[in-house]
């Protein structure tokens, strides 16, 4: 009986692992498919108010998210859920699946308003992503993705990835070790193989010597 119990626990554990082996993109596609189907079943009236339409779409998305989030470590390990961001990502996938159904819900004026809102939000996101910090340059590393190691006034270490040419890159040389700089950066998600999930990393966009 004990062996049977252990075997069942092992099988359940393996099933849980396999159930969570989908990538972020695969789960987004599942949510997009569900939301497309949900739109079709609900038969959202184009004459409804914009708020009613957005609420209906939101309910479709939330329902699908709750059903599929446990299938990917990326979503299941999130401490908080940014439905606005998820909605944008799912919307991009929906545009390749059921764009006609989606377009038929909104009037031309409403679609223009949606695009304008997205543009405004993109600008706000860009402003929010322009972060900066004063640090001391400690070392440089040229791996598959180059990066610099720094430390702030509290001796806390910061690593900044280098993914493209940026303003002030010529300042990064061995003779600059120990000097202070203002580093501007943005935060981006990268898949970490050891963690088996997406992790936020700092990507340098500008560096200025103090």
N, C-alpha and C. Protein backbone atom coordinates (compact mmCIF):
# COMPACT_ATOMS: atom_id res chain seq x y z
N UNK A 1 0.84 -1.20 0.00
CA UNK A 1 0.00 0.00 0.00
C UNK A 1 0.88 1.25 0.00
N UNK A 2 1.97 1.22 0.80
CA UNK A 2 2.87 2.37 0.87
C UNK A 2 3.53 2.62 -0.48
N UNK A 3 3.91 1.54 -1.17
CA UNK A 3 4.54 1.68 -2.48
C UNK A 3 3.56 2.28 -3.48
N UNK A 4 2.29 1.86 -3.39
CA UNK A 4 1.27 2.40 -4.30
C UNK A 4 1.09 3.89 -4.07
N UNK A 5 1.06 4.29 -2.78
CA UNK A 5 0.91 5.71 -2.44
C UNK A 5 2.06 6.54 -2.99
N UNK A 6 3.29 6.03 -2.78
CA UNK A 6 4.48 6.74 -3.27
C UNK A 6 4.43 6.87 -4.79
N UNK A 7 4.01 5.78 -5.46
CA UNK A 7 3.92 5.80 -6.93
C UNK A 7 2.91 6.84 -7.40
N UNK A 8 1.74 6.90 -6.72
CA UNK A 8 0.71 7.87 -7.08
C UNK A 8 1.21 9.30 -6.90
N UNK A 9 1.91 9.52 -5.78
CA UNK A 9 2.46 10.86 -5.52
C UNK A 9 3.46 11.23 -6.61
N UNK A 10 4.29 10.27 -7.00
CA UNK A 10 5.29 10.53 -8.05
C UNK A 10 4.62 10.85 -9.37
N UNK A 11 3.56 10.11 -9.70
CA UNK A 11 2.84 10.34 -10.95
C UNK A 11 2.18 11.71 -10.95
N UNK A 12 1.55 12.05 -9.81
CA UNK A 12 0.91 13.36 -9.70
C UNK A 12 1.94 14.49 -9.82
N UNK A 13 3.11 14.26 -9.22
CA UNK A 13 4.17 15.26 -9.31
C UNK A 13 4.64 15.46 -10.74
N UNK A 14 4.80 14.35 -11.47
CA UNK A 14 5.22 14.44 -12.87
C UNK A 14 4.15 15.13 -13.70
N UNK A 15 2.88 14.81 -13.43
CA UNK A 15 1.79 15.46 -14.17
C UNK A 15 1.79 16.96 -13.94
N UNK A 16 2.09 17.38 -12.71
CA UNK A 16 2.12 18.80 -12.39
C UNK A 16 3.26 19.48 -13.15
N UNK A 17 4.41 18.81 -13.21
CA UNK A 17 5.56 19.37 -13.93
C UNK A 17 5.22 19.52 -15.41
N UNK A 18 4.64 18.46 -16.00
CA UNK A 18 4.31 18.52 -17.43
C UNK A 18 3.21 19.54 -17.69
N UNK A 19 2.32 19.72 -16.71
CA UNK A 19 1.23 20.68 -16.88
C UNK A 19 1.75 22.11 -16.89
N UNK A 20 2.93 22.32 -16.34
CA UNK A 20 3.49 23.67 -16.27
C UNK A 20 4.62 23.88 -17.28
N UNK A 21 4.71 23.02 -18.29
CA UNK A 21 5.85 23.13 -19.18
C UNK A 21 5.59 23.97 -20.42
N UNK A 22 4.45 24.66 -20.48
CA UNK A 22 4.17 25.52 -21.62
C UNK A 22 4.90 26.84 -21.46
N UNK A 23 5.30 27.40 -22.58
CA UNK A 23 5.98 28.69 -22.55
C UNK A 23 4.97 29.82 -22.39
N UNK A 24 5.47 31.00 -22.12
CA UNK A 24 4.61 32.17 -22.01
C UNK A 24 3.83 32.38 -23.31
N UNK A 25 4.51 32.24 -24.44
CA UNK A 25 3.89 32.47 -25.74
C UNK A 25 2.77 31.46 -26.02
N UNK A 26 2.99 30.21 -25.61
CA UNK A 26 1.97 29.17 -25.83
C UNK A 26 0.71 29.47 -25.02
N UNK A 27 0.89 29.94 -23.78
CA UNK A 27 -0.27 30.27 -22.95
C UNK A 27 -0.98 31.51 -23.48
N UNK A 28 -0.23 32.49 -23.96
CA UNK A 28 -0.85 33.67 -24.56
C UNK A 28 -1.71 33.27 -25.76
N UNK A 29 -1.23 32.31 -26.53
CA UNK A 29 -1.99 31.85 -27.68
C UNK A 29 -3.27 31.15 -27.25
N UNK A 30 -3.18 30.35 -26.19
CA UNK A 30 -4.38 29.70 -25.65
C UNK A 30 -5.41 30.73 -25.19
N UNK A 31 -4.93 31.78 -24.52
CA UNK A 31 -5.83 32.82 -24.05
C UNK A 31 -6.45 33.59 -25.21
N UNK A 32 -5.65 33.81 -26.25
CA UNK A 32 -6.16 34.51 -27.43
C UNK A 32 -7.25 33.69 -28.11
N UNK A 33 -7.02 32.38 -28.23
CA UNK A 33 -8.01 31.49 -28.84
C UNK A 33 -9.30 31.48 -28.02
N UNK A 34 -9.15 31.40 -26.70
CA UNK A 34 -10.33 31.40 -25.82
C UNK A 34 -11.10 32.71 -25.94
N UNK A 35 -10.38 33.83 -25.96
CA UNK A 35 -11.03 35.14 -26.01
C UNK A 35 -11.74 35.33 -27.34
N UNK A 36 -11.13 34.85 -28.42
CA UNK A 36 -11.79 34.91 -29.73
C UNK A 36 -13.09 34.11 -29.71
N UNK A 37 -13.03 32.91 -29.14
CA UNK A 37 -14.22 32.07 -29.05
C UNK A 37 -15.27 32.70 -28.15
N UNK A 38 -14.80 33.31 -27.07
CA UNK A 38 -15.70 33.97 -26.13
C UNK A 38 -16.44 35.12 -26.80
N UNK A 39 -15.71 35.90 -27.60
CA UNK A 39 -16.33 37.02 -28.33
C UNK A 39 -17.43 36.50 -29.25
N UNK A 40 -17.11 35.40 -29.94
CA UNK A 40 -18.08 34.82 -30.88
C UNK A 40 -19.33 34.34 -30.17
N UNK A 41 -19.16 33.70 -29.01
CA UNK A 41 -20.31 33.16 -28.27
C UNK A 41 -21.15 34.26 -27.63
N UNK A 42 -20.47 35.28 -27.11
CA UNK A 42 -21.19 36.37 -26.44
C UNK A 42 -21.95 37.24 -27.43
N UNK A 43 -21.48 37.24 -28.70
CA UNK A 43 -22.09 38.07 -29.73
C UNK A 43 -22.26 39.50 -29.22
N UNK A 44 -21.13 40.11 -28.91
CA UNK A 44 -21.11 41.47 -28.38
C UNK A 44 -21.72 42.43 -29.40
N UNK A 45 -22.67 43.21 -28.94
CA UNK A 45 -23.39 44.13 -29.82
C UNK A 45 -22.54 45.36 -30.12
N UNK A 46 -22.30 45.66 -31.41
CA UNK A 46 -21.51 46.84 -31.76
C UNK A 46 -22.12 48.14 -31.25
N UNK A 47 -23.43 48.11 -30.95
CA UNK A 47 -24.12 49.31 -30.48
C UNK A 47 -23.98 49.52 -28.97
N UNK A 48 -23.39 48.54 -28.28
CA UNK A 48 -23.17 48.69 -26.84
C UNK A 48 -22.16 49.81 -26.59
N UNK A 49 -22.14 50.31 -25.37
CA UNK A 49 -21.18 51.36 -25.04
C UNK A 49 -19.76 50.79 -25.03
N UNK A 50 -18.79 51.68 -25.16
CA UNK A 50 -17.39 51.27 -25.15
C UNK A 50 -17.05 50.56 -23.84
N UNK A 51 -17.56 51.06 -22.73
CA UNK A 51 -17.29 50.45 -21.42
C UNK A 51 -17.83 49.03 -21.37
N UNK A 52 -19.04 48.83 -21.91
CA UNK A 52 -19.65 47.49 -21.90
C UNK A 52 -18.82 46.52 -22.75
N UNK A 53 -18.34 46.99 -23.89
CA UNK A 53 -17.55 46.13 -24.77
C UNK A 53 -16.23 45.74 -24.10
N UNK A 54 -15.58 46.74 -23.50
CA UNK A 54 -14.31 46.47 -22.84
C UNK A 54 -14.49 45.55 -21.64
N UNK A 55 -15.60 45.71 -20.93
CA UNK A 55 -15.88 44.84 -19.79
C UNK A 55 -16.09 43.40 -20.25
N UNK A 56 -16.84 43.24 -21.35
CA UNK A 56 -17.10 41.90 -21.88
C UNK A 56 -15.80 41.22 -22.30
N UNK A 57 -14.94 41.98 -22.98
CA UNK A 57 -13.64 41.43 -23.39
C UNK A 57 -12.78 41.11 -22.18
N UNK A 58 -12.83 41.98 -21.18
CA UNK A 58 -12.05 41.76 -19.97
C UNK A 58 -12.46 40.51 -19.24
N UNK A 59 -13.76 40.26 -19.17
CA UNK A 59 -14.27 39.06 -18.50
C UNK A 59 -13.84 37.80 -19.25
N UNK A 60 -13.86 37.87 -20.59
CA UNK A 60 -13.40 36.74 -21.39
C UNK A 60 -11.93 36.45 -21.10
N UNK A 61 -11.14 37.51 -21.05
CA UNK A 61 -9.70 37.36 -20.82
C UNK A 61 -9.40 36.80 -19.44
N UNK A 62 -10.06 37.36 -18.41
CA UNK A 62 -9.81 36.92 -17.04
C UNK A 62 -10.18 35.45 -16.86
N UNK A 63 -11.31 35.06 -17.45
CA UNK A 63 -11.74 33.67 -17.36
C UNK A 63 -10.70 32.73 -17.97
N UNK A 64 -10.18 33.10 -19.14
CA UNK A 64 -9.17 32.27 -19.80
C UNK A 64 -7.86 32.27 -19.02
N UNK A 65 -7.48 33.43 -18.49
CA UNK A 65 -6.24 33.53 -17.70
C UNK A 65 -6.30 32.59 -16.49
N UNK A 66 -7.40 32.62 -15.77
CA UNK A 66 -7.54 31.76 -14.59
C UNK A 66 -7.48 30.28 -14.95
N UNK A 67 -7.92 29.95 -16.16
CA UNK A 67 -7.91 28.55 -16.60
C UNK A 67 -6.52 28.08 -17.01
N UNK A 68 -5.74 28.97 -17.59
CA UNK A 68 -4.47 28.55 -18.19
C UNK A 68 -3.21 28.99 -17.46
N UNK A 69 -3.31 29.90 -16.48
CA UNK A 69 -2.10 30.45 -15.86
C UNK A 69 -1.22 29.38 -15.21
N UNK A 70 -1.83 28.31 -14.72
CA UNK A 70 -1.05 27.27 -14.05
C UNK A 70 -0.28 26.38 -15.03
N UNK A 71 -0.50 26.58 -16.34
CA UNK A 71 0.15 25.75 -17.34
C UNK A 71 1.56 26.25 -17.69
N UNK A 72 1.91 27.43 -17.18
CA UNK A 72 3.23 27.99 -17.46
C UNK A 72 3.85 28.52 -16.18
N UNK A 73 5.11 28.21 -15.95
CA UNK A 73 5.80 28.72 -14.76
C UNK A 73 5.85 30.24 -14.78
N UNK A 74 5.92 30.82 -15.98
CA UNK A 74 6.00 32.28 -16.08
C UNK A 74 4.81 32.93 -15.40
N UNK A 75 3.60 32.45 -15.68
CA UNK A 75 2.40 33.05 -15.11
C UNK A 75 2.12 32.55 -13.69
N UNK A 76 2.37 31.29 -13.43
CA UNK A 76 2.04 30.73 -12.11
C UNK A 76 2.92 31.31 -11.01
N UNK A 77 4.12 31.81 -11.36
CA UNK A 77 5.03 32.35 -10.35
C UNK A 77 4.93 33.87 -10.21
N UNK A 78 4.04 34.49 -11.00
CA UNK A 78 3.88 35.94 -10.89
C UNK A 78 3.22 36.29 -9.56
N UNK A 79 3.83 37.23 -8.81
CA UNK A 79 3.26 37.64 -7.52
C UNK A 79 2.03 38.51 -7.70
N UNK A 80 1.98 39.25 -8.77
CA UNK A 80 0.81 40.09 -9.07
C UNK A 80 0.52 39.98 -10.57
N UNK A 81 -0.71 40.26 -10.94
CA UNK A 81 -1.13 40.11 -12.33
C UNK A 81 -1.41 41.47 -12.95
N UNK A 82 -0.69 41.77 -14.01
CA UNK A 82 -0.91 43.01 -14.76
C UNK A 82 -1.79 42.68 -15.95
N UNK A 83 -3.12 42.75 -15.75
CA UNK A 83 -4.05 42.36 -16.80
C UNK A 83 -3.98 43.31 -18.00
N UNK A 84 -3.57 44.56 -17.73
CA UNK A 84 -3.45 45.52 -18.82
C UNK A 84 -2.38 45.07 -19.80
N UNK A 85 -1.23 44.66 -19.25
CA UNK A 85 -0.14 44.18 -20.10
C UNK A 85 -0.52 42.87 -20.79
N UNK A 86 -1.14 41.96 -20.03
CA UNK A 86 -1.55 40.68 -20.62
C UNK A 86 -2.55 40.91 -21.74
N UNK A 87 -3.48 41.85 -21.51
CA UNK A 87 -4.47 42.17 -22.52
C UNK A 87 -3.83 42.66 -23.81
N UNK A 88 -2.79 43.48 -23.69
CA UNK A 88 -2.09 43.98 -24.87
C UNK A 88 -1.41 42.83 -25.62
N UNK A 89 -0.77 41.92 -24.86
CA UNK A 89 -0.07 40.81 -25.49
C UNK A 89 -1.04 39.83 -26.13
N UNK A 90 -2.16 39.56 -25.45
CA UNK A 90 -3.17 38.67 -26.01
C UNK A 90 -3.80 39.31 -27.24
N UNK A 91 -4.02 40.63 -27.19
CA UNK A 91 -4.60 41.34 -28.32
C UNK A 91 -3.75 41.22 -29.57
N UNK A 92 -2.41 41.25 -29.40
CA UNK A 92 -1.51 41.09 -30.54
C UNK A 92 -1.68 39.73 -31.20
N UNK A 93 -1.88 38.70 -30.36
CA UNK A 93 -2.07 37.35 -30.90
C UNK A 93 -3.44 37.24 -31.54
N UNK A 94 -4.45 37.86 -30.92
CA UNK A 94 -5.82 37.82 -31.47
C UNK A 94 -5.87 38.42 -32.86
N UNK A 95 -5.01 39.40 -33.12
CA UNK A 95 -4.99 40.07 -34.43
C UNK A 95 -4.64 39.09 -35.55
N UNK A 96 -4.01 37.97 -35.19
CA UNK A 96 -3.66 36.96 -36.20
C UNK A 96 -4.67 35.81 -36.22
N UNK A 97 -5.60 35.80 -35.27
CA UNK A 97 -6.54 34.69 -35.17
C UNK A 97 -7.96 35.09 -35.58
N UNK A 98 -8.46 36.18 -35.00
CA UNK A 98 -9.86 36.56 -35.23
C UNK A 98 -10.00 38.06 -35.41
N UNK A 99 -9.14 38.62 -36.23
CA UNK A 99 -9.14 40.07 -36.40
C UNK A 99 -10.48 40.58 -36.93
N UNK A 100 -11.14 39.81 -37.79
CA UNK A 100 -12.43 40.26 -38.35
C UNK A 100 -13.50 40.37 -37.28
N UNK A 101 -13.55 39.37 -36.38
CA UNK A 101 -14.52 39.42 -35.29
C UNK A 101 -14.24 40.59 -34.37
N UNK A 102 -12.96 40.80 -34.08
CA UNK A 102 -12.57 41.89 -33.18
C UNK A 102 -12.91 43.24 -33.79
N UNK A 103 -12.60 43.41 -35.07
CA UNK A 103 -12.85 44.68 -35.75
C UNK A 103 -14.33 44.98 -35.88
N UNK A 104 -15.15 43.94 -35.98
CA UNK A 104 -16.58 44.15 -36.17
C UNK A 104 -17.27 44.66 -34.92
N UNK A 105 -16.61 44.51 -33.77
CA UNK A 105 -17.21 44.94 -32.50
C UNK A 105 -17.17 46.46 -32.36
N UNK A 106 -16.07 47.07 -32.85
CA UNK A 106 -15.85 48.49 -32.61
C UNK A 106 -16.08 49.31 -33.87
N UNK A 107 -16.56 50.53 -33.66
CA UNK A 107 -16.73 51.46 -34.77
C UNK A 107 -15.36 52.05 -35.13
N UNK A 108 -15.30 52.73 -36.25
CA UNK A 108 -14.05 53.36 -36.69
C UNK A 108 -13.56 54.36 -35.64
N UNK A 109 -14.49 55.15 -35.10
CA UNK A 109 -14.11 56.15 -34.09
C UNK A 109 -13.55 55.49 -32.84
N UNK A 110 -14.16 54.38 -32.44
CA UNK A 110 -13.69 53.68 -31.23
C UNK A 110 -12.31 53.09 -31.45
N UNK A 111 -12.06 52.54 -32.65
CA UNK A 111 -10.75 51.99 -32.95
C UNK A 111 -9.68 53.07 -32.94
N UNK A 112 -10.03 54.26 -33.44
CA UNK A 112 -9.09 55.39 -33.41
C UNK A 112 -8.77 55.77 -31.97
N UNK A 113 -9.81 55.78 -31.11
CA UNK A 113 -9.60 56.10 -29.70
C UNK A 113 -8.69 55.08 -29.03
N UNK A 114 -8.89 53.80 -29.37
CA UNK A 114 -8.07 52.73 -28.79
C UNK A 114 -6.61 52.91 -29.18
N UNK A 115 -6.38 53.21 -30.47
CA UNK A 115 -5.01 53.42 -30.96
C UNK A 115 -4.37 54.61 -30.27
N UNK A 116 -5.15 55.70 -30.12
CA UNK A 116 -4.63 56.89 -29.46
C UNK A 116 -4.28 56.60 -28.01
N UNK A 117 -5.14 55.84 -27.32
CA UNK A 117 -4.87 55.48 -25.92
C UNK A 117 -3.61 54.65 -25.83
N UNK A 118 -3.42 53.72 -26.77
CA UNK A 118 -2.22 52.87 -26.77
C UNK A 118 -0.97 53.71 -26.98
N UNK A 119 -1.08 54.71 -27.87
CA UNK A 119 0.07 55.59 -28.12
C UNK A 119 0.44 56.36 -26.87
N UNK A 120 -0.59 56.88 -26.15
CA UNK A 120 -0.35 57.63 -24.93
C UNK A 120 0.29 56.74 -23.88
N UNK A 121 -0.21 55.51 -23.76
CA UNK A 121 0.32 54.58 -22.77
C UNK A 121 1.74 54.18 -23.12
N UNK A 122 2.03 54.04 -24.43
CA UNK A 122 3.38 53.68 -24.84
C UNK A 122 4.35 54.77 -24.45
N UNK A 123 3.91 56.03 -24.61
CA UNK A 123 4.78 57.15 -24.23
C UNK A 123 5.02 57.13 -22.73
N UNK A 124 3.95 56.87 -21.95
CA UNK A 124 4.10 56.82 -20.50
C UNK A 124 5.00 55.67 -20.09
N UNK A 125 4.84 54.52 -20.77
CA UNK A 125 5.69 53.37 -20.47
C UNK A 125 7.14 53.68 -20.78
N UNK A 126 7.37 54.40 -21.90
CA UNK A 126 8.73 54.74 -22.28
C UNK A 126 9.35 55.67 -21.25
N UNK A 127 8.55 56.64 -20.77
CA UNK A 127 9.05 57.56 -19.77
C UNK A 127 9.39 56.82 -18.48
N UNK A 128 8.50 55.87 -18.11
CA UNK A 128 8.72 55.12 -16.88
C UNK A 128 9.92 54.20 -16.98
N UNK A 129 10.24 53.78 -18.24
CA UNK A 129 11.36 52.85 -18.41
C UNK A 129 12.70 53.56 -18.46
N UNK A 130 12.69 54.89 -18.57
CA UNK A 130 13.94 55.65 -18.58
C UNK A 130 14.43 55.87 -17.15
N UNK A 131 14.99 54.83 -16.58
CA UNK A 131 15.47 54.87 -15.20
C UNK A 131 16.95 55.21 -15.19
N UNK A 132 17.44 55.70 -14.07
CA UNK A 132 18.86 56.01 -13.97
C UNK A 132 19.33 55.84 -12.54
N UNK A 133 20.62 55.62 -12.38
CA UNK A 133 21.19 55.41 -11.05
C UNK A 133 22.67 55.81 -11.08
N UNK A 134 23.15 56.33 -9.97
CA UNK A 134 24.57 56.69 -9.85
C UNK A 134 25.33 55.50 -9.28
N UNK A 135 26.34 55.06 -10.01
CA UNK A 135 27.08 53.86 -9.61
C UNK A 135 28.57 54.03 -9.90
N UNK A 136 29.34 53.10 -9.35
CA UNK A 136 30.78 53.03 -9.62
C UNK A 136 31.03 51.82 -10.50
N UNK A 137 31.78 52.01 -11.57
CA UNK A 137 32.08 50.92 -12.49
C UNK A 137 33.08 49.95 -11.86
N UNK A 138 32.73 48.69 -11.82
CA UNK A 138 33.57 47.67 -11.19
C UNK A 138 34.28 46.80 -12.22
N UNK A 139 33.55 46.31 -13.21
CA UNK A 139 34.16 45.43 -14.21
C UNK A 139 33.31 45.38 -15.47
N UNK A 140 33.89 44.84 -16.53
CA UNK A 140 33.19 44.62 -17.79
C UNK A 140 33.37 43.16 -18.18
N UNK A 141 32.34 42.61 -18.81
CA UNK A 141 32.40 41.21 -19.21
C UNK A 141 31.88 41.06 -20.63
N UNK A 142 32.65 40.41 -21.48
CA UNK A 142 32.25 40.20 -22.88
C UNK A 142 31.88 38.73 -23.09
N UNK A 143 30.65 38.39 -22.76
CA UNK A 143 30.14 37.04 -22.99
C UNK A 143 29.25 37.07 -24.23
N UNK A 144 28.37 36.08 -24.36
CA UNK A 144 27.43 36.07 -25.48
C UNK A 144 26.63 37.37 -25.49
N UNK A 145 26.26 37.83 -24.30
CA UNK A 145 25.69 39.16 -24.11
C UNK A 145 26.62 39.89 -23.15
N UNK A 146 27.21 40.98 -23.60
CA UNK A 146 28.13 41.72 -22.75
C UNK A 146 27.37 42.43 -21.63
N UNK A 147 28.09 42.68 -20.53
CA UNK A 147 27.46 43.38 -19.42
C UNK A 147 28.54 44.04 -18.56
N UNK A 148 28.10 45.00 -17.74
CA UNK A 148 29.02 45.66 -16.81
C UNK A 148 28.52 45.41 -15.39
N UNK A 149 29.46 45.34 -14.48
CA UNK A 149 29.14 45.20 -13.07
C UNK A 149 29.45 46.52 -12.37
N UNK A 150 28.54 46.97 -11.52
CA UNK A 150 28.71 48.24 -10.83
C UNK A 150 28.26 48.08 -9.38
N UNK A 151 28.50 49.12 -8.58
CA UNK A 151 27.97 49.14 -7.22
C UNK A 151 27.57 50.57 -6.88
N UNK A 152 26.53 50.68 -6.06
CA UNK A 152 26.05 52.01 -5.69
C UNK A 152 26.68 52.47 -4.38
N UNK A 153 26.20 53.58 -3.85
CA UNK A 153 26.77 54.15 -2.63
C UNK A 153 26.58 53.25 -1.41
N UNK A 154 25.66 52.29 -1.51
CA UNK A 154 25.39 51.38 -0.39
C UNK A 154 26.06 50.03 -0.60
N UNK A 155 27.01 50.00 -1.57
CA UNK A 155 27.75 48.77 -1.91
C UNK A 155 26.85 47.67 -2.45
N UNK A 156 25.69 48.04 -2.96
CA UNK A 156 24.81 47.07 -3.59
C UNK A 156 25.24 46.90 -5.04
N UNK A 157 25.38 45.67 -5.48
CA UNK A 157 25.83 45.39 -6.85
C UNK A 157 24.69 45.51 -7.85
N UNK A 158 25.02 46.05 -9.03
CA UNK A 158 24.05 46.16 -10.12
C UNK A 158 24.72 45.67 -11.40
N UNK A 159 24.00 44.84 -12.15
CA UNK A 159 24.50 44.36 -13.44
C UNK A 159 23.64 44.96 -14.55
N UNK A 160 24.29 45.52 -15.56
CA UNK A 160 23.59 46.11 -16.69
C UNK A 160 23.98 45.38 -17.97
N UNK A 161 23.00 44.83 -18.67
CA UNK A 161 23.26 44.14 -19.92
C UNK A 161 23.49 45.15 -21.04
N UNK A 162 24.30 44.76 -22.00
CA UNK A 162 24.57 45.60 -23.18
C UNK A 162 24.02 44.86 -24.39
N UNK A 163 22.93 45.33 -24.94
CA UNK A 163 22.27 44.65 -26.06
C UNK A 163 22.37 45.44 -27.36
N UNK A 164 22.82 46.71 -27.28
CA UNK A 164 22.95 47.52 -28.48
C UNK A 164 23.87 48.70 -28.20
N UNK A 165 24.26 49.41 -29.26
CA UNK A 165 25.10 50.60 -29.09
C UNK A 165 24.30 51.68 -28.36
N UNK A 166 24.96 52.41 -27.47
CA UNK A 166 24.27 53.44 -26.69
C UNK A 166 25.20 54.64 -26.47
N UNK A 167 24.61 55.75 -26.07
CA UNK A 167 25.38 56.97 -25.86
C UNK A 167 26.34 56.81 -24.68
N UNK A 168 27.62 57.10 -24.93
CA UNK A 168 28.63 57.02 -23.88
C UNK A 168 29.32 55.68 -23.78
N UNK A 169 29.06 54.75 -24.73
CA UNK A 169 29.65 53.41 -24.63
C UNK A 169 31.19 53.45 -24.63
N UNK A 170 31.76 54.52 -25.26
CA UNK A 170 33.22 54.62 -25.33
C UNK A 170 33.86 54.85 -23.96
N UNK A 171 33.04 55.19 -22.96
CA UNK A 171 33.56 55.40 -21.61
C UNK A 171 33.86 54.08 -20.90
N UNK A 172 33.35 53.01 -21.44
CA UNK A 172 33.52 51.70 -20.81
C UNK A 172 34.89 51.12 -21.19
N UNK A 173 35.86 51.34 -20.34
CA UNK A 173 37.21 50.84 -20.54
C UNK A 173 37.84 50.60 -19.17
N UNK A 174 38.90 49.82 -19.14
CA UNK A 174 39.51 49.42 -17.87
C UNK A 174 39.96 50.63 -17.04
N UNK A 175 40.39 51.69 -17.72
CA UNK A 175 40.85 52.87 -16.99
C UNK A 175 39.71 53.59 -16.26
N UNK A 176 38.45 53.18 -16.57
CA UNK A 176 37.30 53.80 -15.92
C UNK A 176 36.86 53.04 -14.67
N UNK A 177 37.49 51.89 -14.40
CA UNK A 177 37.14 51.12 -13.21
C UNK A 177 37.36 51.99 -11.96
N UNK A 178 36.39 52.01 -11.09
CA UNK A 178 36.49 52.79 -9.86
C UNK A 178 35.93 54.19 -10.01
N UNK A 179 35.61 54.61 -11.22
CA UNK A 179 35.03 55.93 -11.44
C UNK A 179 33.51 55.88 -11.31
N UNK A 180 32.93 57.05 -11.04
CA UNK A 180 31.47 57.13 -10.86
C UNK A 180 30.79 57.59 -12.14
N UNK A 181 29.62 56.99 -12.39
CA UNK A 181 28.85 57.29 -13.60
C UNK A 181 27.36 57.35 -13.25
N UNK A 182 26.62 58.02 -14.11
CA UNK A 182 25.16 57.92 -14.07
C UNK A 182 24.78 56.98 -15.21
N UNK A 183 24.15 55.88 -14.86
CA UNK A 183 23.75 54.89 -15.86
C UNK A 183 22.24 54.97 -16.06
N UNK A 184 21.83 55.21 -17.30
CA UNK A 184 20.41 55.17 -17.65
C UNK A 184 20.11 53.78 -18.19
N UNK A 185 18.95 53.24 -17.86
CA UNK A 185 18.64 51.88 -18.26
C UNK A 185 17.13 51.66 -18.38
N UNK A 186 16.79 50.57 -18.99
CA UNK A 186 15.40 50.13 -19.04
C UNK A 186 15.35 48.71 -18.50
N UNK A 187 14.19 48.30 -18.06
CA UNK A 187 14.02 46.93 -17.56
C UNK A 187 13.36 46.08 -18.64
N UNK A 188 13.89 44.89 -18.82
CA UNK A 188 13.36 43.98 -19.85
C UNK A 188 13.34 42.56 -19.32
N UNK A 189 12.47 41.75 -19.90
CA UNK A 189 12.34 40.35 -19.49
C UNK A 189 13.25 39.48 -20.34
N UNK A 190 14.00 38.60 -19.68
CA UNK A 190 14.84 37.62 -20.37
C UNK A 190 14.56 36.25 -19.76
N UNK A 191 14.58 35.23 -20.61
CA UNK A 191 14.35 33.88 -20.10
C UNK A 191 15.62 33.35 -19.47
N UNK A 192 15.53 32.95 -18.22
CA UNK A 192 16.66 32.41 -17.46
C UNK A 192 16.54 30.89 -17.44
N UNK A 193 17.49 30.21 -18.08
CA UNK A 193 17.41 28.76 -18.19
C UNK A 193 17.53 28.08 -16.84
N UNK A 194 18.40 28.61 -15.97
CA UNK A 194 18.58 27.99 -14.66
C UNK A 194 17.33 28.15 -13.79
N UNK A 195 16.66 29.30 -13.91
CA UNK A 195 15.44 29.55 -13.13
C UNK A 195 14.21 28.99 -13.82
N UNK A 196 14.34 28.72 -15.14
CA UNK A 196 13.23 28.21 -15.95
C UNK A 196 12.02 29.17 -15.92
N UNK A 197 12.32 30.45 -16.00
CA UNK A 197 11.27 31.46 -16.04
C UNK A 197 11.86 32.78 -16.54
N UNK A 198 10.97 33.71 -16.87
CA UNK A 198 11.42 35.03 -17.29
C UNK A 198 11.81 35.86 -16.07
N UNK A 199 12.91 36.60 -16.20
CA UNK A 199 13.42 37.43 -15.10
C UNK A 199 13.69 38.83 -15.62
N UNK A 200 13.40 39.82 -14.78
CA UNK A 200 13.64 41.21 -15.14
C UNK A 200 15.14 41.52 -15.05
N UNK A 201 15.70 42.06 -16.13
CA UNK A 201 17.11 42.46 -16.16
C UNK A 201 17.20 43.94 -16.51
N UNK A 202 18.31 44.57 -16.11
CA UNK A 202 18.57 45.97 -16.47
C UNK A 202 19.37 46.02 -17.76
N UNK A 203 18.89 46.81 -18.72
CA UNK A 203 19.58 46.97 -20.00
C UNK A 203 20.04 48.42 -20.11
N UNK A 204 21.34 48.65 -20.26
CA UNK A 204 21.89 50.00 -20.29
C UNK A 204 21.50 50.72 -21.58
N UNK A 205 21.09 51.98 -21.45
CA UNK A 205 20.71 52.80 -22.61
C UNK A 205 21.59 54.04 -22.76
N UNK A 206 22.31 54.41 -21.67
CA UNK A 206 23.16 55.60 -21.72
C UNK A 206 24.06 55.60 -20.49
N UNK A 207 25.27 56.16 -20.62
CA UNK A 207 26.15 56.29 -19.48
C UNK A 207 26.85 57.64 -19.55
N UNK A 208 26.94 58.31 -18.39
CA UNK A 208 27.57 59.62 -18.31
C UNK A 208 28.53 59.63 -17.13
N UNK A 209 29.72 60.18 -17.36
CA UNK A 209 30.70 60.25 -16.29
C UNK A 209 30.41 61.44 -15.39
N UNK A 210 30.56 61.24 -14.07
CA UNK A 210 30.32 62.33 -13.11
C UNK A 210 31.61 63.15 -12.91
